[in-house]
Amino acid sequence: MSHYANYLKERQGKEYVEDKYGFYVYYFHEDFLFIEDLYVAPEHRHKGVAQRYSKELARITLESGRYKMVCNIIPSTNGASYMAGNLIENGFKLNSSGDDIIYFIKEIEHG
């Protein structure tokens, strides 16, 4: 585990997962998993990596006894429209918005 991952866990209770394709950061809220960051290196984009990360996060969500994932996008950042489209393609729905922030939510099927 990297020093940054240790820092996030120790100071903020966040989990940092990294592989050769990119990384994601998440933490548990009372009744959902919040995805703080998800990044795929440019040379690995459009190859299903983000979709794989989303499936891993859904599994983690269910294993924690929760059934929702939440994330946000800052519309003024580079690539925000692409990120929003990718979230919607992966089953997320618009949840709410505020000044320069849009929240998305995904209900995880469980049975």
Protein backbone atom coordinates (compact mmCIF):
# COMPACT_ATOMS: atom_id res chain seq x y z
CA MET A 1 0.00 0.00 0.00
CA SER A 2 1.33 3.46 -0.84
CA HIS A 3 1.92 6.22 1.67
CA TYR A 4 -0.96 8.13 0.13
CA ALA A 5 -3.29 5.15 0.57
CA ASN A 6 -2.18 4.83 4.20
CA TYR A 7 -2.76 8.54 4.72
CA LEU A 8 -6.29 8.42 3.28
CA LYS A 9 -7.19 5.41 5.42
CA GLU A 10 -5.67 6.74 8.63
CA ARG A 11 -6.74 10.37 8.42
CA GLN A 12 -9.98 10.25 6.46
CA GLY A 13 -11.23 6.64 6.60
CA LYS A 14 -11.03 6.33 2.82
CA GLU A 15 -9.96 3.34 0.75
CA TYR A 16 -7.55 3.77 -2.16
CA VAL A 17 -7.24 0.99 -4.74
CA GLU A 18 -4.65 1.20 -7.51
CA ASP A 19 -3.48 -1.08 -10.28
CA LYS A 20 -1.50 -0.59 -13.48
CA TYR A 21 -4.57 0.84 -15.23
CA GLY A 22 -5.61 3.54 -12.75
CA PHE A 23 -7.15 3.92 -9.31
CA TYR A 24 -10.28 4.67 -7.33
CA VAL A 25 -10.97 6.15 -3.90
CA TYR A 26 -14.11 5.46 -1.90
CA TYR A 27 -15.55 5.62 1.58
CA PHE A 28 -18.67 4.42 3.31
CA HIS A 29 -21.43 6.78 4.28
CA GLU A 30 -24.27 5.71 6.52
CA ASP A 31 -26.29 3.98 3.80
CA PHE A 32 -24.16 4.17 0.64
CA LEU A 33 -20.66 3.91 -0.76
CA PHE A 34 -19.31 7.23 -2.01
CA ILE A 35 -16.87 7.13 -4.94
CA GLU A 36 -14.59 10.10 -4.42
CA ASP A 37 -12.25 9.55 -7.36
CA LEU A 38 -11.93 7.14 -10.24
CA TYR A 39 -9.12 7.52 -12.74
CA VAL A 40 -8.07 5.44 -15.75
CA ALA A 41 -4.73 6.23 -17.42
CA PRO A 42 -5.20 7.58 -20.97
CA GLU A 43 -3.58 4.56 -22.64
CA HIS A 44 -6.09 2.24 -20.95
CA ARG A 45 -9.29 4.18 -21.63
CA HIS A 46 -12.09 2.74 -23.79
CA LYS A 47 -11.01 -0.78 -22.82
CA GLY A 48 -13.56 -1.52 -20.08
CA VAL A 49 -11.37 -0.53 -17.12
CA ALA A 50 -13.83 1.99 -15.65
CA GLN A 51 -16.63 -0.54 -16.08
CA ARG A 52 -14.53 -3.15 -14.23
CA TYR A 53 -13.86 -0.66 -11.44
CA SER A 54 -17.58 0.07 -11.22
CA LYS A 55 -18.33 -3.65 -10.88
CA GLU A 56 -15.68 -3.98 -8.16
CA LEU A 57 -17.20 -1.02 -6.30
CA ALA A 58 -20.68 -2.54 -6.62
CA ARG A 59 -19.37 -5.79 -5.10
CA ILE A 60 -17.74 -3.85 -2.24
CA THR A 61 -21.00 -1.94 -1.71
CA LEU A 62 -23.03 -5.15 -1.41
CA GLU A 63 -20.44 -6.82 0.82
CA SER A 64 -20.77 -3.85 3.19
CA GLY A 65 -24.54 -4.35 3.44
CA ARG A 66 -25.31 -1.23 1.42
CA TYR A 67 -27.23 -1.03 -1.85
CA LYS A 68 -26.36 2.38 -3.29
CA MET A 69 -23.29 4.03 -4.78
CA VAL A 70 -23.02 7.81 -5.03
CA CYS A 71 -20.49 9.98 -6.85
CA ASN A 72 -20.22 13.50 -8.20
CA ILE A 73 -18.84 15.46 -11.09
CA ILE A 74 -17.64 19.05 -11.11
CA PRO A 75 -18.97 20.36 -14.47
CA SER A 76 -16.16 22.91 -14.82
CA THR A 77 -13.43 20.23 -14.86
CA ASN A 78 -11.86 18.85 -18.03
CA GLY A 79 -13.78 15.90 -19.43
CA ALA A 80 -16.87 16.39 -17.27
CA SER A 81 -19.31 15.67 -20.11
CA TYR A 82 -17.48 12.46 -20.99
CA MET A 83 -17.47 11.39 -17.33
CA ALA A 84 -21.20 12.07 -17.00
CA GLY A 85 -21.92 10.00 -20.10
CA ASN A 86 -19.77 7.17 -18.79
CA LEU A 87 -21.62 7.16 -15.47
CA ILE A 88 -25.01 7.05 -17.19
CA GLU A 89 -23.79 4.22 -19.46
CA ASN A 90 -22.83 2.31 -16.30
CA GLY A 91 -26.27 2.62 -14.72
CA PHE A 92 -25.90 5.78 -12.64
CA LYS A 93 -28.74 8.30 -12.59
CA LEU A 94 -28.77 12.01 -11.93
CA ASN A 95 -29.58 12.58 -8.28
CA SER A 96 -29.13 16.27 -7.50
CA SER A 97 -27.04 19.30 -8.34
CA GLY A 98 -25.73 22.49 -6.82
CA ASP A 99 -23.25 25.20 -7.68
CA ASP A 100 -20.77 23.50 -10.02
CA ILE A 101 -21.51 19.98 -8.76
CA ILE A 102 -23.73 17.17 -10.01
CA TYR A 103 -24.47 14.06 -7.92
CA PHE A 104 -25.18 10.65 -9.43
CA ILE A 105 -26.59 7.57 -7.73
CA LYS A 106 -26.76 3.90 -8.62
CA GLU A 107 -28.96 1.39 -6.87
CA ILE A 108 -27.26 -2.01 -6.74
CA GLU A 109 -29.45 -5.01 -7.45
CA HIS A 110 -29.33 -7.60 -4.72
CA GLY A 111 -31.19 -10.77 -4.23
